[in-house]
Amino acid sequence: MTTKTMPSPLTINISEEAADHVRVFAAQSGKPDSNLRVAVKGGGCAGMTYVLDLIDEPREDDKVIEEHGMRLYVDRKSYIFLAGTILEYSGGLNGKGFVFNNPNAKTTCGCGTSFSV
């Protein structure tokens, strides 16, 4: 019997499927060696919105998280709002896209791209 380890609430995790999709998007964008910046900014219908961006190198104050061969770069301000989040990819009937399972979000919008704390 195998035991599944629970993600640490003090980090940000990316599922293997989400990491695979980031690599596909990076290759399609002509940036096969890029990694993923994960951030939040003010805006959206719930107050804060998620930001994903393909980049090559982290900024000086970024936290670097490696999982499934993917590096996530997160600035310190965003990290406070994202700690404990699991970034997943959904290919269900409601459409394909990245899903943020954020334990810090008190409310989310209907489309899942913005939240409040």
Protein backbone atom coordinates (compact mmCIF):
# COMPACT_ATOMS: atom_id res chain seq x y z
CA MET A 1 0.00 0.00 0.00
CA THR A 2 1.42 3.40 -0.97
CA THR A 3 0.85 6.52 1.03
CA LYS A 4 0.22 9.77 -0.78
CA THR A 5 2.10 12.68 0.76
CA MET A 6 0.10 15.80 1.41
CA PRO A 7 1.55 19.03 0.01
CA SER A 8 3.13 21.37 2.51
CA PRO A 9 0.94 24.38 3.37
CA LEU A 10 4.05 26.58 3.23
CA THR A 11 4.79 26.06 -0.45
CA ILE A 12 3.05 26.12 -3.80
CA ASN A 13 2.63 22.87 -5.71
CA ILE A 14 1.99 22.14 -9.36
CA SER A 15 0.41 18.88 -10.46
CA GLU A 16 2.25 16.72 -12.95
CA GLU A 17 -0.51 17.28 -15.53
CA ALA A 18 -0.30 21.07 -15.10
CA ALA A 19 3.51 20.96 -15.46
CA ASP A 20 3.11 18.93 -18.66
CA HIS A 21 0.67 21.50 -20.07
CA VAL A 22 3.02 24.38 -19.21
CA ARG A 23 5.76 22.60 -21.20
CA VAL A 24 3.38 22.15 -24.16
CA PHE A 25 2.37 25.84 -24.07
CA ALA A 26 6.03 26.88 -23.75
CA ALA A 27 7.00 24.81 -26.79
CA GLN A 28 4.04 26.18 -28.81
CA SER A 29 5.11 29.72 -27.85
CA GLY A 30 8.65 29.11 -29.10
CA LYS A 31 10.02 29.19 -25.53
CA PRO A 32 10.69 25.50 -24.79
CA ASP A 33 13.18 26.22 -21.98
CA SER A 34 11.04 28.74 -20.10
CA ASN A 35 9.49 28.24 -16.68
CA LEU A 36 6.37 29.60 -15.02
CA ARG A 37 5.89 32.83 -13.08
CA VAL A 38 2.89 32.55 -10.75
CA ALA A 39 1.61 35.78 -9.22
CA VAL A 40 -1.43 37.68 -8.02
CA LYS A 41 -2.43 41.27 -8.70
CA GLY A 42 -5.30 43.50 -7.72
CA GLY A 43 -8.32 43.27 -9.98
CA GLY A 44 -10.90 40.82 -11.19
CA CYS A 45 -14.44 40.57 -9.95
CA ALA A 46 -13.42 39.19 -6.52
CA GLY A 47 -10.56 41.62 -5.76
CA MET A 48 -7.39 39.74 -6.73
CA THR A 49 -6.56 37.87 -9.91
CA TYR A 50 -4.08 35.11 -10.74
CA VAL A 51 -1.29 35.75 -13.25
CA LEU A 52 0.64 33.08 -15.15
CA ASP A 53 3.54 33.96 -17.42
CA LEU A 54 6.29 32.04 -19.22
CA ILE A 55 9.72 33.46 -18.33
CA ASP A 56 13.34 32.36 -18.57
CA GLU A 57 14.89 33.59 -15.32
CA PRO A 58 13.59 34.50 -11.86
CA ARG A 59 13.73 38.02 -10.50
CA GLU A 60 16.17 38.74 -7.69
CA ASP A 61 13.61 38.38 -4.86
CA ASP A 62 11.60 35.48 -6.33
CA LYS A 63 11.02 32.27 -4.43
CA VAL A 64 11.92 29.36 -6.74
CA ILE A 65 9.94 26.13 -6.37
CA GLU A 66 10.82 23.03 -8.41
CA GLU A 67 8.39 20.20 -8.97
CA HIS A 68 7.87 17.69 -11.82
CA GLY A 69 10.80 19.20 -13.74
CA MET A 70 9.16 22.64 -13.73
CA ARG A 71 10.38 25.75 -11.94
CA LEU A 72 7.79 28.11 -10.49
CA TYR A 73 8.91 31.68 -9.80
CA VAL A 74 6.84 33.55 -7.23
CA ASP A 75 7.47 37.09 -5.95
CA ARG A 76 7.34 37.62 -2.18
CA LYS A 77 4.10 39.61 -2.19
CA SER A 78 2.24 37.00 -4.24
CA TYR A 79 3.69 34.15 -2.18
CA ILE A 80 1.82 35.38 0.91
CA PHE A 81 -1.50 34.93 -0.93
CA LEU A 82 -0.52 31.69 -2.70
CA ALA A 83 1.15 29.61 0.06
CA GLY A 84 -0.56 26.22 0.17
CA THR A 85 -1.97 26.54 -3.36
CA ILE A 86 -1.98 23.61 -5.75
CA LEU A 87 -1.93 24.56 -9.43
CA GLU A 88 -3.75 21.92 -11.44
CA TYR A 89 -4.97 21.55 -15.01
CA SER A 90 -8.57 20.67 -15.80
CA GLY A 91 -9.56 19.19 -19.10
CA GLY A 92 -13.18 18.51 -18.15
CA LEU A 93 -16.39 19.24 -20.03
CA ASN A 94 -16.52 22.80 -18.66
CA GLY A 95 -13.44 23.73 -20.63
CA LYS A 96 -9.72 23.31 -20.33
CA GLY A 97 -7.51 25.45 -18.19
CA PHE A 98 -5.40 25.93 -15.12
CA VAL A 99 -7.14 25.69 -11.77
CA PHE A 100 -5.82 27.30 -8.57
CA ASN A 101 -6.79 25.33 -5.47
CA ASN A 102 -5.96 28.12 -3.02
CA PRO A 103 -6.73 27.50 0.67
CA ASN A 104 -6.29 31.24 1.37
CA ALA A 105 -9.16 32.28 -0.91
CA LYS A 106 -12.26 33.14 1.13
CA THR A 107 -14.35 33.77 -1.99
CA THR A 108 -13.78 33.15 -5.69
CA CYS A 109 -15.47 34.34 -8.83
CA GLY A 110 -17.48 32.02 -11.05
CA CYS A 111 -14.73 31.64 -13.64
CA GLY A 112 -12.09 30.83 -11.00
CA THR A 113 -9.57 33.46 -12.08
CA SER A 114 -10.04 35.89 -9.20
CA PHE A 115 -10.44 35.61 -5.45
CA SER A 116 -10.47 37.51 -2.19
CA VAL A 117 -8.78 36.78 1.13
